[in-house]
């Protein structure tokens, strides 16, 4: 059975390439490696996007198929 989960992809102004959300808490940690990124449900990912988004950072959801 396959489920769809989501990654949060960040494109920051001045960064060399896209980064993915690794950890979110008091501080936001990112990684450039997609396989290490935090995989979450749609509603959790949307909450993360709302708290991260700024004029200097564009954020988008990236769907990922996960075998459960």
C-alpha atoms as a PDB file:
ATOM      1  CA  UNK A   1       0.000   0.000   0.000  1.00  0.00           C
ATOM      2  CA  UNK A   2       1.330   3.450  -0.931  1.00  0.00           C
ATOM      3  CA  UNK A   3       0.686   6.660   0.972  1.00  0.00           C
ATOM      4  CA  UNK A   4       1.519  10.177  -0.115  1.00  0.00           C
ATOM      5  CA  UNK A   5       3.619  12.198   2.302  1.00  0.00           C
ATOM      6  CA  UNK A   6       5.177  15.603   1.804  1.00  0.00           C
ATOM      7  CA  UNK A   7       8.553  17.322   2.026  1.00  0.00           C
ATOM      8  CA  UNK A   8       8.922  21.052   2.556  1.00  0.00           C
ATOM      9  CA  UNK A   9      11.251  22.549  -0.073  1.00  0.00           C
ATOM     10  CA  UNK A  10      12.838  25.948   0.632  1.00  0.00           C
ATOM     11  CA  UNK A  11      14.343  28.285  -1.944  1.00  0.00           C
ATOM     12  CA  UNK A  12      16.150  31.025  -0.059  1.00  0.00           C
ATOM     13  CA  UNK A  13      17.435  34.185  -1.706  1.00  0.00           C
ATOM     14  CA  UNK A  14      21.200  33.903  -2.107  1.00  0.00           C
ATOM     15  CA  UNK A  15      21.342  30.139  -1.478  1.00  0.00           C
ATOM     16  CA  UNK A  16      23.064  27.954  -4.055  1.00  0.00           C
ATOM     17  CA  UNK A  17      20.286  25.411  -4.435  1.00  0.00           C
ATOM     18  CA  UNK A  18      17.039  24.160  -2.948  1.00  0.00           C
ATOM     19  CA  UNK A  19      17.017  22.953   0.629  1.00  0.00           C
ATOM     20  CA  UNK A  20      14.590  20.689   2.456  1.00  0.00           C
ATOM     21  CA  UNK A  21      13.274  20.955   5.994  1.00  0.00           C
ATOM     22  CA  UNK A  22      15.228  18.658   8.306  1.00  0.00           C
ATOM     23  CA  UNK A  23      14.025  19.740  11.741  1.00  0.00           C
ATOM     24  CA  UNK A  24      11.650  22.367  13.044  1.00  0.00           C
ATOM     25  CA  UNK A  25      11.482  23.634  16.581  1.00  0.00           C
ATOM     26  CA  UNK A  26      12.993  26.701  18.198  1.00  0.00           C
ATOM     27  CA  UNK A  27      15.312  26.879  15.215  1.00  0.00           C
ATOM     28  CA  UNK A  28      14.824  25.610  11.677  1.00  0.00           C
ATOM     29  CA  UNK A  29      17.390  23.159  10.318  1.00  0.00           C
ATOM     30  CA  UNK A  30      17.629  22.373   6.631  1.00  0.00           C
ATOM     31  CA  UNK A  31      19.502  19.932   4.428  1.00  0.00           C
ATOM     32  CA  UNK A  32      20.318  19.856   0.735  1.00  0.00           C
ATOM     33  CA  UNK A  33      19.876  16.071   0.632  1.00  0.00           C
ATOM     34  CA  UNK A  34      16.303  15.117  -0.149  1.00  0.00           C
ATOM     35  CA  UNK A  35      16.556  11.644   1.389  1.00  0.00           C
ATOM     36  CA  UNK A  36      17.368  13.133   4.808  1.00  0.00           C
ATOM     37  CA  UNK A  37      14.438  15.561   4.788  1.00  0.00           C
ATOM     38  CA  UNK A  38      11.573  15.436   7.242  1.00  0.00           C
ATOM     39  CA  UNK A  39       8.595  13.544   5.755  1.00  0.00           C
ATOM     40  CA  UNK A  40       5.219  14.648   7.108  1.00  0.00           C
ATOM     41  CA  UNK A  41       1.518  14.684   6.448  1.00  0.00           C
ATOM     42  CA  UNK A  42      -0.176  17.372   4.370  1.00  0.00           C
ATOM     43  CA  UNK A  43      -1.646  19.389   7.244  1.00  0.00           C
ATOM     44  CA  UNK A  44       1.580  19.355   9.272  1.00  0.00           C
ATOM     45  CA  UNK A  45       3.557  20.404   6.198  1.00  0.00           C
ATOM     46  CA  UNK A  46       1.134  23.257   5.497  1.00  0.00           C
ATOM     47  CA  UNK A  47       1.528  24.481   9.083  1.00  0.00           C
ATOM     48  CA  UNK A  48       5.310  24.409   8.644  1.00  0.00           C
ATOM     49  CA  UNK A  49       5.033  26.415   5.425  1.00  0.00           C
ATOM     50  CA  UNK A  50       2.917  29.086   7.084  1.00  0.00           C
ATOM     51  CA  UNK A  51       5.445  29.557   9.870  1.00  0.00           C
ATOM     52  CA  UNK A  52       8.539  29.558   7.603  1.00  0.00           C
ATOM     53  CA  UNK A  53       7.391  31.607   4.616  1.00  0.00           C
ATOM     54  CA  UNK A  54       8.899  35.070   4.265  1.00  0.00           C
ATOM     55  CA  UNK A  55       9.628  37.507   1.418  1.00  0.00           C
ATOM     56  CA  UNK A  56      13.210  36.178   1.140  1.00  0.00           C
ATOM     57  CA  UNK A  57      12.219  32.496   1.224  1.00  0.00           C
ATOM     58  CA  UNK A  58       9.767  30.713  -1.068  1.00  0.00           C
ATOM     59  CA  UNK A  59       8.396  27.447   0.222  1.00  0.00           C
ATOM     60  CA  UNK A  60       6.575  24.616  -1.574  1.00  0.00           C
ATOM     61  CA  UNK A  61       5.257  21.120  -0.891  1.00  0.00           C
ATOM     62  CA  UNK A  62       6.896  18.182  -2.664  1.00  0.00           C
ATOM     63  CA  UNK A  63       4.751  14.999  -2.738  1.00  0.00           C
ATOM     64  CA  UNK A  64       6.545  11.695  -2.083  1.00  0.00           C
ATOM     65  CA  UNK A  65       5.144   8.159  -2.410  1.00  0.00           C
ATOM     66  CA  UNK A  66       5.832   6.124   0.741  1.00  0.00           C
ATOM     67  CA  UNK A  67       5.328   2.375   0.929  1.00  0.00           C
ATOM     68  CA  UNK A  68       3.618   1.486   4.207  1.00  0.00           C
END
